[in-house]
Amino acid sequence: MTPAIAPAFAFPFPPISPHEALLNEGQCVVVEGIASIRKDQRLGTDIDLDGEHSPFLGYIIAGNEAQFPNLASYAGKLVDITGVVQFYLGRAEVKMTSASQLKLASPNDRTTHTC
């Protein structure tokens, strides 16, 4: 019998705050906050967590919006964004290419997330 092997970067850790994301460059994390959605100056879409001027955002690259058909339904709701933290103009950012990176937050969800 072969033991199950977790995928690379799999983790069952609780979500972190937008401010904590600043300390996790290059790490795969789940960041939790209230979503506000707006067009980005780079032609994509931003999902700011806890306000437009928060230290964290999820960035949907222009052309990938179709991967997020219900994006507007997340506005004003507590969400989790999963991905590898990078920096853009002094803010922590996760580039989002799959709908699996965005979900409504649930305190009872202990799903293992992967990047």
PDB file of N, CA and C in Angstrom:
ATOM      1  N   MET A   1       0.846  -1.168   0.000  1.00  0.00           N
ATOM      2  CA  MET A   1       0.000   0.000   0.000  1.00  0.00           C
ATOM      3  C   MET A   1       0.898   1.240   0.000  1.00  0.00           C
ATOM      4  N   THR A   2       0.642   2.164  -0.903  1.00  0.00           N
ATOM      5  CA  THR A   2       1.432   3.371  -1.022  1.00  0.00           C
ATOM      6  C   THR A   2       0.815   4.478  -0.174  1.00  0.00           C
ATOM      7  N   PRO A   3       1.606   5.139   0.671  1.00  0.00           N
ATOM      8  CA  PRO A   3       1.035   6.210   1.484  1.00  0.00           C
ATOM      9  C   PRO A   3       0.680   7.419   0.616  1.00  0.00           C
ATOM     10  N   ALA A   4      -0.333   8.156   1.046  1.00  0.00           N
ATOM     11  CA  ALA A   4      -0.732   9.378   0.329  1.00  0.00           C
ATOM     12  C   ALA A   4       0.338  10.436   0.533  1.00  0.00           C
ATOM     13  N   ILE A   5       0.627  11.144  -0.509  1.00  0.00           N
ATOM     14  CA  ILE A   5       1.625  12.206  -0.441  1.00  0.00           C
ATOM     15  C   ILE A   5       0.919  13.520  -0.716  1.00  0.00           C
ATOM     16  N   ALA A   6       1.107  14.490   0.158  1.00  0.00           N
ATOM     17  CA  ALA A   6       0.480  15.794  -0.022  1.00  0.00           C
ATOM     18  C   ALA A   6       1.152  16.525  -1.171  1.00  0.00           C
ATOM     19  N   PRO A   7       0.370  17.308  -1.939  1.00  0.00           N
ATOM     20  CA  PRO A   7       0.956  18.074  -3.030  1.00  0.00           C
ATOM     21  C   PRO A   7       1.949  19.112  -2.494  1.00  0.00           C
ATOM     22  N   ALA A   8       2.834  19.563  -3.362  1.00  0.00           N
ATOM     23  CA  ALA A   8       3.779  20.608  -2.967  1.00  0.00           C
ATOM     24  C   ALA A   8       3.015  21.814  -2.477  1.00  0.00           C
ATOM     25  N   PHE A   9       3.505  22.426  -1.434  1.00  0.00           N
ATOM     26  CA  PHE A   9       2.924  23.615  -0.834  1.00  0.00           C
ATOM     27  C   PHE A   9       1.539  23.385  -0.247  1.00  0.00           C
ATOM     28  N   ALA A  10       1.197  22.179   0.143  1.00  0.00           N
ATOM     29  CA  ALA A  10      -0.088  21.926   0.792  1.00  0.00           C
ATOM     30  C   ALA A  10       0.035  22.287   2.263  1.00  0.00           C
ATOM     31  N   PHE A  11      -1.016  22.918   2.795  1.00  0.00           N
ATOM     32  CA  PHE A  11      -0.959  23.303   4.198  1.00  0.00           C
ATOM     33  C   PHE A  11      -2.354  23.426   4.782  1.00  0.00           C
ATOM     34  N   PRO A  12      -2.516  23.057   6.058  1.00  0.00           N
ATOM     35  CA  PRO A  12      -3.797  23.177   6.736  1.00  0.00           C
ATOM     36  C   PRO A  12      -3.846  24.376   7.688  1.00  0.00           C
ATOM     37  N   PHE A  13      -2.947  25.345   7.516  1.00  0.00           N
ATOM     38  CA  PHE A  13      -2.858  26.466   8.434  1.00  0.00           C
ATOM     39  C   PHE A  13      -4.046  27.410   8.295  1.00  0.00           C
ATOM     40  N   PRO A  14      -4.387  28.117   9.365  1.00  0.00           N
ATOM     41  CA  PRO A  14      -5.489  29.085   9.274  1.00  0.00           C
ATOM     42  C   PRO A  14      -5.083  30.279   8.410  1.00  0.00           C
ATOM     43  N   PRO A  15      -6.063  30.995   7.882  1.00  0.00           N
ATOM     44  CA  PRO A  15      -5.766  32.164   7.059  1.00  0.00           C
ATOM     45  C   PRO A  15      -5.017  33.236   7.853  1.00  0.00           C
ATOM     46  N   ILE A  16      -4.298  34.084   7.117  1.00  0.00           N
ATOM     47  CA  ILE A  16      -3.607  35.213   7.725  1.00  0.00           C
ATOM     48  C   ILE A  16      -4.300  36.504   7.303  1.00  0.00           C
ATOM     49  N   SER A  17      -3.982  37.594   7.983  1.00  0.00           N
ATOM     50  CA  SER A  17      -4.580  38.892   7.674  1.00  0.00           C
ATOM     51  C   SER A  17      -3.833  39.558   6.520  1.00  0.00           C
ATOM     52  N   PRO A  18      -4.439  40.571   5.895  1.00  0.00           N
ATOM     53  CA  PRO A  18      -3.729  41.315   4.853  1.00  0.00           C
ATOM     54  C   PRO A  18      -2.395  41.890   5.351  1.00  0.00           C
ATOM     55  N   HIS A  19      -2.328  42.358   6.584  1.00  0.00           N
ATOM     56  CA  HIS A  19      -1.072  42.891   7.115  1.00  0.00           C
ATOM     57  C   HIS A  19      -0.015  41.797   7.278  1.00  0.00           C
ATOM     58  N   GLU A  20      -0.423  40.613   7.703  1.00  0.00           N
ATOM     59  CA  GLU A  20       0.517  39.503   7.862  1.00  0.00           C
ATOM     60  C   GLU A  20       1.081  39.050   6.520  1.00  0.00           C
ATOM     61  N   ALA A  21       0.340  39.269   5.437  1.00  0.00           N
ATOM     62  CA  ALA A  21       0.821  38.880   4.115  1.00  0.00           C
ATOM     63  C   ALA A  21       2.121  39.591   3.771  1.00  0.00           C
ATOM     64  N   LEU A  22       2.323  40.794   4.305  1.00  0.00           N
ATOM     65  CA  LEU A  22       3.552  41.545   4.042  1.00  0.00           C
ATOM     66  C   LEU A  22       4.792  40.811   4.535  1.00  0.00           C
ATOM     67  N   LEU A  23       4.621  39.934   5.496  1.00  0.00           N
ATOM     68  CA  LEU A  23       5.749  39.204   6.084  1.00  0.00           C
ATOM     69  C   LEU A  23       5.969  37.835   5.438  1.00  0.00           C
ATOM     70  N   ASN A  24       5.242  37.561   4.359  1.00  0.00           N
ATOM     71  CA  ASN A  24       5.260  36.219   3.777  1.00  0.00           C
ATOM     72  C   ASN A  24       5.608  36.200   2.291  1.00  0.00           C
ATOM     73  N   GLU A  25       6.487  37.084   1.854  1.00  0.00           N
ATOM     74  CA  GLU A  25       6.881  37.119   0.447  1.00  0.00           C
ATOM     75  C   GLU A  25       7.439  35.759   0.030  1.00  0.00           C
ATOM     76  N   GLY A  26       6.957  35.263  -1.111  1.00  0.00           N
ATOM     77  CA  GLY A  26       7.424  33.991  -1.645  1.00  0.00           C
ATOM     78  C   GLY A  26       6.766  32.774  -1.030  1.00  0.00           C
ATOM     79  N   GLN A  27       5.892  32.975  -0.068  1.00  0.00           N
ATOM     80  CA  GLN A  27       5.228  31.860   0.613  1.00  0.00           C
ATOM     81  C   GLN A  27       3.822  31.652   0.061  1.00  0.00           C
ATOM     82  N   CYS A  28       3.381  30.419   0.078  1.00  0.00           N
ATOM     83  CA  CYS A  28       2.004  30.090  -0.274  1.00  0.00           C
ATOM     84  C   CYS A  28       1.161  30.262   0.982  1.00  0.00           C
ATOM     85  N   VAL A  29       0.175  31.144   0.916  1.00  0.00           N
ATOM     86  CA  VAL A  29      -0.654  31.440   2.083  1.00  0.00           C
ATOM     87  C   VAL A  29      -2.116  31.569   1.669  1.00  0.00           C
ATOM     88  N   VAL A  30      -2.979  31.598   2.677  1.00  0.00           N
ATOM     89  CA  VAL A  30      -4.379  31.966   2.503  1.00  0.00           C
ATOM     90  C   VAL A  30      -4.553  33.278   3.263  1.00  0.00           C
ATOM     91  N   VAL A  31      -4.986  34.317   2.551  1.00  0.00           N
ATOM     92  CA  VAL A  31      -5.186  35.632   3.151  1.00  0.00           C
ATOM     93  C   VAL A  31      -6.686  35.875   3.225  1.00  0.00           C
ATOM     94  N   GLU A  32      -7.145  36.357   4.380  1.00  0.00           N
ATOM     95  CA  GLU A  32      -8.572  36.528   4.611  1.00  0.00           C
ATOM     96  C   GLU A  32      -8.917  37.983   4.878  1.00  0.00           C
ATOM     97  N   GLY A  33     -10.019  38.444   4.287  1.00  0.00           N
ATOM     98  CA  GLY A  33     -10.475  39.802   4.512  1.00  0.00           C
ATOM     99  C   GLY A  33     -11.760  40.070   3.749  1.00  0.00           C
ATOM    100  N   ILE A  34     -12.277  41.287   3.915  1.00  0.00           N
ATOM    101  CA  ILE A  34     -13.495  41.713   3.223  1.00  0.00           C
ATOM    102  C   ILE A  34     -13.104  42.173   1.815  1.00  0.00           C
ATOM    103  N   ALA A  35     -13.749  41.599   0.810  1.00  0.00           N
ATOM    104  CA  ALA A  35     -13.388  41.860  -0.586  1.00  0.00           C
ATOM    105  C   ALA A  35     -14.035  43.131  -1.123  1.00  0.00           C
ATOM    106  N   SER A  36     -13.224  43.925  -1.805  1.00  0.00           N
ATOM    107  CA  SER A  36     -13.752  44.987  -2.662  1.00  0.00           C
ATOM    108  C   SER A  36     -13.083  44.793  -4.016  1.00  0.00           C
ATOM    109  N   ILE A  37     -13.864  44.918  -5.068  1.00  0.00           N
ATOM    110  CA  ILE A  37     -13.415  44.558  -6.411  1.00  0.00           C
ATOM    111  C   ILE A  37     -13.409  45.800  -7.290  1.00  0.00           C
ATOM    112  N   ARG A  38     -12.311  45.972  -8.031  1.00  0.00           N
ATOM    113  CA  ARG A  38     -12.201  47.144  -8.915  1.00  0.00           C
ATOM    114  C   ARG A  38     -11.259  46.819 -10.065  1.00  0.00           C
ATOM    115  N   LYS A  39     -11.391  47.589 -11.139  1.00  0.00           N
ATOM    116  CA  LYS A  39     -10.462  47.465 -12.262  1.00  0.00           C
ATOM    117  C   LYS A  39      -9.114  48.014 -11.826  1.00  0.00           C
ATOM    118  N   ASP A  40      -8.052  47.412 -12.329  1.00  0.00           N
ATOM    119  CA  ASP A  40      -6.692  47.790 -11.976  1.00  0.00           C
ATOM    120  C   ASP A  40      -6.081  48.626 -13.099  1.00  0.00           C
ATOM    121  N   GLN A  41      -5.138  49.498 -12.736  1.00  0.00           N
ATOM    122  CA  GLN A  41      -4.452  50.316 -13.740  1.00  0.00           C
ATOM    123  C   GLN A  41      -3.668  49.469 -14.733  1.00  0.00           C
ATOM    124  N   ARG A  42      -3.385  48.201 -14.379  1.00  0.00           N
ATOM    125  CA  ARG A  42      -2.670  47.281 -15.286  1.00  0.00           C
ATOM    126  C   ARG A  42      -3.636  46.566 -16.221  1.00  0.00           C
ATOM    127  N   LEU A  43      -4.883  46.967 -16.239  1.00  0.00           N
ATOM    128  CA  LEU A  43      -5.939  46.434 -17.099  1.00  0.00           C
ATOM    129  C   LEU A  43      -6.577  45.157 -16.577  1.00  0.00           C
ATOM    130  N   GLY A  44      -6.121  44.642 -15.480  1.00  0.00           N
ATOM    131  CA  GLY A  44      -6.738  43.470 -14.871  1.00  0.00           C
ATOM    132  C   GLY A  44      -7.770  43.900 -13.835  1.00  0.00           C
ATOM    133  N   THR A  45      -8.010  43.038 -12.871  1.00  0.00           N
ATOM    134  CA  THR A  45      -8.976  43.301 -11.800  1.00  0.00           C
ATOM    135  C   THR A  45      -8.305  43.062 -10.457  1.00  0.00           C
ATOM    136  N   ASP A  46      -8.535  43.984  -9.532  1.00  0.00           N
ATOM    137  CA  ASP A  46      -8.026  43.850  -8.167  1.00  0.00           C
ATOM    138  C   ASP A  46      -9.127  43.396  -7.235  1.00  0.00           C
ATOM    139  N   ILE A  47      -8.764  42.517  -6.310  1.00  0.00           N
ATOM    140  CA  ILE A  47      -9.630  42.179  -5.175  1.00  0.00           C
ATOM    141  C   ILE A  47      -8.867  42.653  -3.949  1.00  0.00           C
ATOM    142  N   ASP A  48      -9.204  43.849  -3.489  1.00  0.00           N
ATOM    143  CA  ASP A  48      -8.571  44.383  -2.287  1.00  0.00           C
ATOM    144  C   ASP A  48      -9.236  43.749  -1.083  1.00  0.00           C
ATOM    145  N   LEU A  49      -8.436  43.356  -0.108  1.00  0.00           N
ATOM    146  CA  LEU A  49      -8.998  42.809   1.128  1.00  0.00           C
ATOM    147  C   LEU A  49      -8.891  43.862   2.209  1.00  0.00           C
ATOM    148  N   ASP A  50     -10.016  44.214   2.780  1.00  0.00           N
ATOM    149  CA  ASP A  50     -10.117  45.209   3.845  1.00  0.00           C
ATOM    150  C   ASP A  50      -9.830  46.624   3.352  1.00  0.00           C
ATOM    151  N   GLY A  51     -10.271  46.934   2.146  1.00  0.00           N
ATOM    152  CA  GLY A  51     -10.191  48.299   1.635  1.00  0.00           C
ATOM    153  C   GLY A  51      -9.169  48.489   0.540  1.00  0.00           C
ATOM    154  N   GLU A  52      -9.406  49.510  -0.296  1.00  0.00           N
ATOM    155  CA  GLU A  52      -8.559  49.773  -1.456  1.00  0.00           C
ATOM    156  C   GLU A  52      -7.121  50.081  -1.078  1.00  0.00           C
ATOM    157  N   HIS A  53      -6.902  50.609   0.113  1.00  0.00           N
ATOM    158  CA  HIS A  53      -5.548  50.977   0.526  1.00  0.00           C
ATOM    159  C   HIS A  53      -4.935  49.988   1.515  1.00  0.00           C
ATOM    160  N   SER A  54      -5.486  48.779   1.549  1.00  0.00           N
ATOM    161  CA  SER A  54      -4.931  47.761   2.440  1.00  0.00           C
ATOM    162  C   SER A  54      -3.586  47.297   1.886  1.00  0.00           C
ATOM    163  N   PRO A  55      -2.799  46.586   2.701  1.00  0.00           N
ATOM    164  CA  PRO A  55      -1.488  46.131   2.244  1.00  0.00           C
ATOM    165  C   PRO A  55      -1.524  44.893   1.355  1.00  0.00           C
ATOM    166  N   PHE A  56      -2.729  44.382   1.019  1.00  0.00           N
ATOM    167  CA  PHE A  56      -2.820  43.147   0.244  1.00  0.00           C
ATOM    168  C   PHE A  56      -3.914  43.237  -0.816  1.00  0.00           C
ATOM    169  N   LEU A  57      -3.639  42.586  -1.960  1.00  0.00           N
ATOM    170  CA  LEU A  57      -4.660  42.432  -2.992  1.00  0.00           C
ATOM    171  C   LEU A  57      -4.440  41.152  -3.771  1.00  0.00           C
ATOM    172  N   GLY A  58      -5.541  40.626  -4.290  1.00  0.00           N
ATOM    173  CA  GLY A  58      -5.475  39.565  -5.272  1.00  0.00           C
ATOM    174  C   GLY A  58      -5.590  40.229  -6.632  1.00  0.00           C
ATOM    175  N   TYR A  59      -4.768  39.831  -7.583  1.00  0.00           N
ATOM    176  CA  TYR A  59      -4.771  40.455  -8.905  1.00  0.00           C
ATOM    177  C   TYR A  59      -5.123  39.423  -9.962  1.00  0.00           C
ATOM    178  N   ILE A  60      -6.222  39.692 -10.686  1.00  0.00           N
ATOM    179  CA  ILE A  60      -6.623  38.833 -11.800  1.00  0.00           C
ATOM    180  C   ILE A  60      -6.088  39.482 -13.063  1.00  0.00           C
ATOM    181  N   ILE A  61      -5.184  38.795 -13.723  1.00  0.00           N
ATOM    182  CA  ILE A  61      -4.540  39.303 -14.922  1.00  0.00           C
ATOM    183  C   ILE A  61      -5.580  39.515 -16.021  1.00  0.00           C
ATOM    184  N   ALA A  62      -5.444  40.608 -16.757  1.00  0.00           N
ATOM    185  CA  ALA A  62      -6.360  40.900 -17.864  1.00  0.00           C
ATOM    186  C   ALA A  62      -6.485  39.677 -18.764  1.00  0.00           C
ATOM    187  N   GLY A  63      -7.711  39.331 -19.093  1.00  0.00           N
ATOM    188  CA  GLY A  63      -7.970  38.159 -19.923  1.00  0.00           C
ATOM    189  C   GLY A  63      -8.342  36.930 -19.120  1.00  0.00           C
ATOM    190  N   ASN A  64      -8.048  36.933 -17.809  1.00  0.00           N
ATOM    191  CA  ASN A  64      -8.386  35.789 -16.958  1.00  0.00           C
ATOM    192  C   ASN A  64      -9.705  35.971 -16.210  1.00  0.00           C
ATOM    193  N   GLU A  65     -10.394  37.090 -16.444  1.00  0.00           N
ATOM    194  CA  GLU A  65     -11.637  37.349 -15.721  1.00  0.00           C
ATOM    195  C   GLU A  65     -12.672  36.237 -15.931  1.00  0.00           C
ATOM    196  N   ALA A  66     -12.639  35.589 -17.099  1.00  0.00           N
ATOM    197  CA  ALA A  66     -13.596  34.512 -17.383  1.00  0.00           C
ATOM    198  C   ALA A  66     -13.440  33.336 -16.422  1.00  0.00           C
ATOM    199  N   GLN A  67     -12.278  33.200 -15.794  1.00  0.00           N
ATOM    200  CA  GLN A  67     -12.057  32.136 -14.808  1.00  0.00           C
ATOM    201  C   GLN A  67     -12.825  32.402 -13.512  1.00  0.00           C
ATOM    202  N   PHE A  68     -13.361  33.627 -13.365  1.00  0.00           N
ATOM    203  CA  PHE A  68     -14.045  34.051 -12.140  1.00  0.00           C
ATOM    204  C   PHE A  68     -15.438  34.577 -12.501  1.00  0.00           C
ATOM    205  N   PRO A  69     -16.337  33.698 -12.963  1.00  0.00           N
ATOM    206  CA  PRO A  69     -17.631  34.155 -13.485  1.00  0.00           C
ATOM    207  C   PRO A  69     -18.538  34.821 -12.446  1.00  0.00           C
ATOM    208  N   ASN A  70     -18.388  34.513 -11.191  1.00  0.00           N
ATOM    209  CA  ASN A  70     -19.244  35.081 -10.147  1.00  0.00           C
ATOM    210  C   ASN A  70     -18.496  36.092  -9.284  1.00  0.00           C
ATOM    211  N   LEU A  71     -17.511  36.749  -9.841  1.00  0.00           N
ATOM    212  CA  LEU A  71     -16.636  37.628  -9.075  1.00  0.00           C
ATOM    213  C   LEU A  71     -17.407  38.702  -8.311  1.00  0.00           C
ATOM    214  N   ALA A  72     -18.371  39.337  -8.940  1.00  0.00           N
ATOM    215  CA  ALA A  72     -19.119  40.421  -8.294  1.00  0.00           C
ATOM    216  C   ALA A  72     -19.844  39.948  -7.030  1.00  0.00           C
ATOM    217  N   SER A  73     -20.183  38.674  -6.965  1.00  0.00           N
ATOM    218  CA  SER A  73     -20.919  38.162  -5.795  1.00  0.00           C
ATOM    219  C   SER A  73     -20.063  38.135  -4.522  1.00  0.00           C
ATOM    220  N   TYR A  74     -18.735  38.284  -4.662  1.00  0.00           N
ATOM    221  CA  TYR A  74     -17.846  38.272  -3.497  1.00  0.00           C
ATOM    222  C   TYR A  74     -17.686  39.657  -2.863  1.00  0.00           C
ATOM    223  N   ALA A  75     -18.074  40.707  -3.548  1.00  0.00           N
ATOM    224  CA  ALA A  75     -17.899  42.074  -3.043  1.00  0.00           C
ATOM    225  C   ALA A  75     -18.597  42.250  -1.699  1.00  0.00           C
ATOM    226  N   GLY A  76     -17.852  42.792  -0.737  1.00  0.00           N
ATOM    227  CA  GLY A  76     -18.395  43.045   0.591  1.00  0.00           C
ATOM    228  C   GLY A  76     -18.458  41.838   1.500  1.00  0.00           C
ATOM    229  N   LYS A  77     -17.969  40.699   1.038  1.00  0.00           N
ATOM    230  CA  LYS A  77     -18.024  39.468   1.829  1.00  0.00           C
ATOM    231  C   LYS A  77     -16.636  39.078   2.322  1.00  0.00           C
ATOM    232  N   LEU A  78     -16.606  38.307   3.401  1.00  0.00           N
ATOM    233  CA  LEU A  78     -15.359  37.788   3.940  1.00  0.00           C
ATOM    234  C   LEU A  78     -14.896  36.643   3.046  1.00  0.00           C
ATOM    235  N   VAL A  79     -13.698  36.798   2.451  1.00  0.00           N
ATOM    236  CA  VAL A  79     -13.196  35.806   1.504  1.00  0.00           C
ATOM    237  C   VAL A  79     -11.784  35.364   1.872  1.00  0.00           C
ATOM    238  N   ASP A  80     -11.385  34.248   1.290  1.00  0.00           N
ATOM    239  CA  ASP A  80     -10.018  33.735   1.379  1.00  0.00           C
ATOM    240  C   ASP A  80      -9.421  33.746  -0.021  1.00  0.00           C
ATOM    241  N   ILE A  81      -8.206  34.270  -0.140  1.00  0.00           N
ATOM    242  CA  ILE A  81      -7.449  34.230  -1.385  1.00  0.00           C
ATOM    243  C   ILE A  81      -6.190  33.416  -1.126  1.00  0.00           C
ATOM    244  N   THR A  82      -5.968  32.396  -1.963  1.00  0.00           N
ATOM    245  CA  THR A  82      -4.829  31.496  -1.805  1.00  0.00           C
ATOM    246  C   THR A  82      -3.818  31.725  -2.923  1.00  0.00           C
ATOM    247  N   GLY A  83      -2.540  31.772  -2.560  1.00  0.00           N
ATOM    248  CA  GLY A  83      -1.505  31.885  -3.570  1.00  0.00           C
ATOM    249  C   GLY A  83      -0.169  32.270  -2.978  1.00  0.00           C
ATOM    250  N   VAL A  84       0.800  32.445  -3.858  1.00  0.00           N
ATOM    251  CA  VAL A  84       2.154  32.822  -3.458  1.00  0.00           C
ATOM    252  C   VAL A  84       2.242  34.344  -3.423  1.00  0.00           C
ATOM    253  N   VAL A  85       2.704  34.880  -2.309  1.00  0.00           N
ATOM    254  CA  VAL A  85       2.783  36.325  -2.120  1.00  0.00           C
ATOM    255  C   VAL A  85       3.967  36.904  -2.888  1.00  0.00           C
ATOM    256  N   GLN A  86       3.663  37.926  -3.685  1.00  0.00           N
ATOM    257  CA  GLN A  86       4.669  38.730  -4.373  1.00  0.00           C
ATOM    258  C   GLN A  86       4.414  40.176  -3.951  1.00  0.00           C
ATOM    259  N   PHE A  87       5.246  41.089  -4.398  1.00  0.00           N
ATOM    260  CA  PHE A  87       5.017  42.498  -4.079  1.00  0.00           C
ATOM    261  C   PHE A  87       4.832  43.315  -5.338  1.00  0.00           C
ATOM    262  N   TYR A  88       3.929  44.281  -5.260  1.00  0.00           N
ATOM    263  CA  TYR A  88       3.681  45.222  -6.351  1.00  0.00           C
ATOM    264  C   TYR A  88       3.436  46.593  -5.728  1.00  0.00           C
ATOM    265  N   LEU A  89       4.285  47.541  -6.035  1.00  0.00           N
ATOM    266  CA  LEU A  89       4.182  48.911  -5.511  1.00  0.00           C
ATOM    267  C   LEU A  89       4.044  48.939  -3.992  1.00  0.00           C
ATOM    268  N   GLY A  90       4.821  48.106  -3.317  1.00  0.00           N
ATOM    269  CA  GLY A  90       4.837  48.095  -1.859  1.00  0.00           C
ATOM    270  C   GLY A  90       3.708  47.337  -1.192  1.00  0.00           C
ATOM    271  N   ARG A  91       2.853  46.712  -1.970  1.00  0.00           N
ATOM    272  CA  ARG A  91       1.744  45.931  -1.412  1.00  0.00           C
ATOM    273  C   ARG A  91       1.978  44.449  -1.687  1.00  0.00           C
ATOM    274  N   ALA A  92       1.506  43.612  -0.773  1.00  0.00           N
ATOM    275  CA  ALA A  92       1.544  42.171  -0.995  1.00  0.00           C
ATOM    276  C   ALA A  92       0.450  41.827  -2.001  1.00  0.00           C
ATOM    277  N   GLU A  93       0.765  40.893  -2.895  1.00  0.00           N
ATOM    278  CA  GLU A  93      -0.168  40.560  -3.973  1.00  0.00           C
ATOM    279  C   GLU A  93      -0.076  39.081  -4.298  1.00  0.00           C
ATOM    280  N   VAL A  94      -1.229  38.501  -4.617  1.00  0.00           N
ATOM    281  CA  VAL A  94      -1.293  37.146  -5.155  1.00  0.00           C
ATOM    282  C   VAL A  94      -1.882  37.256  -6.546  1.00  0.00           C
ATOM    283  N   LYS A  95      -1.167  36.749  -7.544  1.00  0.00           N
ATOM    284  CA  LYS A  95      -1.697  36.707  -8.910  1.00  0.00           C
ATOM    285  C   LYS A  95      -2.660  35.528  -8.988  1.00  0.00           C
ATOM    286  N   MET A  96      -3.858  35.801  -9.467  1.00  0.00           N
ATOM    287  CA  MET A  96      -4.925  34.805  -9.471  1.00  0.00           C
ATOM    288  C   MET A  96      -5.224  34.356 -10.901  1.00  0.00           C
ATOM    289  N   THR A  97      -5.131  33.048 -11.129  1.00  0.00           N
ATOM    290  CA  THR A  97      -5.380  32.488 -12.452  1.00  0.00           C
ATOM    291  C   THR A  97      -6.476  31.432 -12.450  1.00  0.00           C
ATOM    292  N   SER A  98      -6.963  31.062 -11.274  1.00  0.00           N
ATOM    293  CA  SER A  98      -7.958  30.003 -11.153  1.00  0.00           C
ATOM    294  C   SER A  98      -8.994  30.368 -10.091  1.00  0.00           C
ATOM    295  N   ALA A  99     -10.249  30.055 -10.369  1.00  0.00           N
ATOM    296  CA  ALA A  99     -11.323  30.327  -9.410  1.00  0.00           C
ATOM    297  C   ALA A  99     -11.096  29.612  -8.080  1.00  0.00           C
ATOM    298  N   SER A 100     -10.302  28.554  -8.085  1.00  0.00           N
ATOM    299  CA  SER A 100     -10.035  27.823  -6.840  1.00  0.00           C
ATOM    300  C   SER A 100      -9.228  28.665  -5.844  1.00  0.00           C
ATOM    301  N   GLN A 101      -8.645  29.771  -6.299  1.00  0.00           N
ATOM    302  CA  GLN A 101      -7.868  30.639  -5.413  1.00  0.00           C
ATOM    303  C   GLN A 101      -8.738  31.588  -4.610  1.00  0.00           C
ATOM    304  N   LEU A 102     -10.021  31.671  -4.916  1.00  0.00           N
ATOM    305  CA  LEU A 102     -10.938  32.598  -4.248  1.00  0.00           C
ATOM    306  C   LEU A 102     -12.143  31.832  -3.746  1.00  0.00           C
ATOM    307  N   LYS A 103     -12.456  32.006  -2.453  1.00  0.00           N
ATOM    308  CA  LYS A 103     -13.652  31.364  -1.914  1.00  0.00           C
ATOM    309  C   LYS A 103     -14.160  32.156  -0.724  1.00  0.00           C
ATOM    310  N   LEU A 104     -15.419  31.953  -0.412  1.00  0.00           N
ATOM    311  CA  LEU A 104     -15.968  32.571   0.786  1.00  0.00           C
ATOM    312  C   LEU A 104     -15.288  31.963   2.002  1.00  0.00           C
ATOM    313  N   ALA A 105     -14.978  32.799   2.975  1.00  0.00           N
ATOM    314  CA  ALA A 105     -14.313  32.314   4.191  1.00  0.00           C
ATOM    315  C   ALA A 105     -15.302  31.537   5.039  1.00  0.00           C
ATOM    316  N   SER A 106     -14.814  30.503   5.678  1.00  0.00           N
ATOM    317  CA  SER A 106     -15.628  29.687   6.562  1.00  0.00           C
ATOM    318  C   SER A 106     -14.789  29.277   7.761  1.00  0.00           C
ATOM    319  N   PRO A 107     -15.216  29.650   8.977  1.00  0.00           N
ATOM    320  CA  PRO A 107     -14.419  29.296  10.154  1.00  0.00           C
ATOM    321  C   PRO A 107     -14.336  27.792  10.393  1.00  0.00           C
ATOM    322  N   ASN A 108     -15.242  27.030   9.814  1.00  0.00           N
ATOM    323  CA  ASN A 108     -15.249  25.575  10.004  1.00  0.00           C
ATOM    324  C   ASN A 108     -14.492  24.823   8.929  1.00  0.00           C
ATOM    325  N   ASP A 109     -13.991  25.555   7.919  1.00  0.00           N
ATOM    326  CA  ASP A 109     -13.297  24.911   6.807  1.00  0.00           C
ATOM    327  C   ASP A 109     -11.832  24.691   7.168  1.00  0.00           C
ATOM    328  N   ARG A 110     -11.407  23.469   7.229  1.00  0.00           N
ATOM    329  CA  ARG A 110     -10.013  23.129   7.499  1.00  0.00           C
ATOM    330  C   ARG A 110      -9.409  22.413   6.299  1.00  0.00           C
ATOM    331  N   THR A 111      -9.854  22.812   5.115  1.00  0.00           N
ATOM    332  CA  THR A 111      -9.381  22.238   3.873  1.00  0.00           C
ATOM    333  C   THR A 111      -7.884  22.498   3.726  1.00  0.00           C
ATOM    334  N   THR A 112      -7.188  21.557   3.175  1.00  0.00           N
ATOM    335  CA  THR A 112      -5.788  21.753   2.849  1.00  0.00           C
ATOM    336  C   THR A 112      -5.713  22.524   1.538  1.00  0.00           C
ATOM    337  N   HIS A 113      -5.045  23.652   1.546  1.00  0.00           N
ATOM    338  CA  HIS A 113      -4.930  24.496   0.362  1.00  0.00           C
ATOM    339  C   HIS A 113      -3.598  24.236  -0.311  1.00  0.00           C
ATOM    340  N   THR A 114      -3.562  24.407  -1.619  1.00  0.00           N
ATOM    341  CA  THR A 114      -2.313  24.219  -2.347  1.00  0.00           C
ATOM    342  C   THR A 114      -2.044  25.406  -3.267  1.00  0.00           C
ATOM    343  N   CYS A 115      -0.785  25.599  -3.575  1.00  0.00           N
ATOM    344  CA  CYS A 115      -0.359  26.638  -4.517  1.00  0.00           C
ATOM    345  C   CYS A 115       0.340  25.990  -5.692  1.00  0.00           C
TER     346      CYS A 115
END
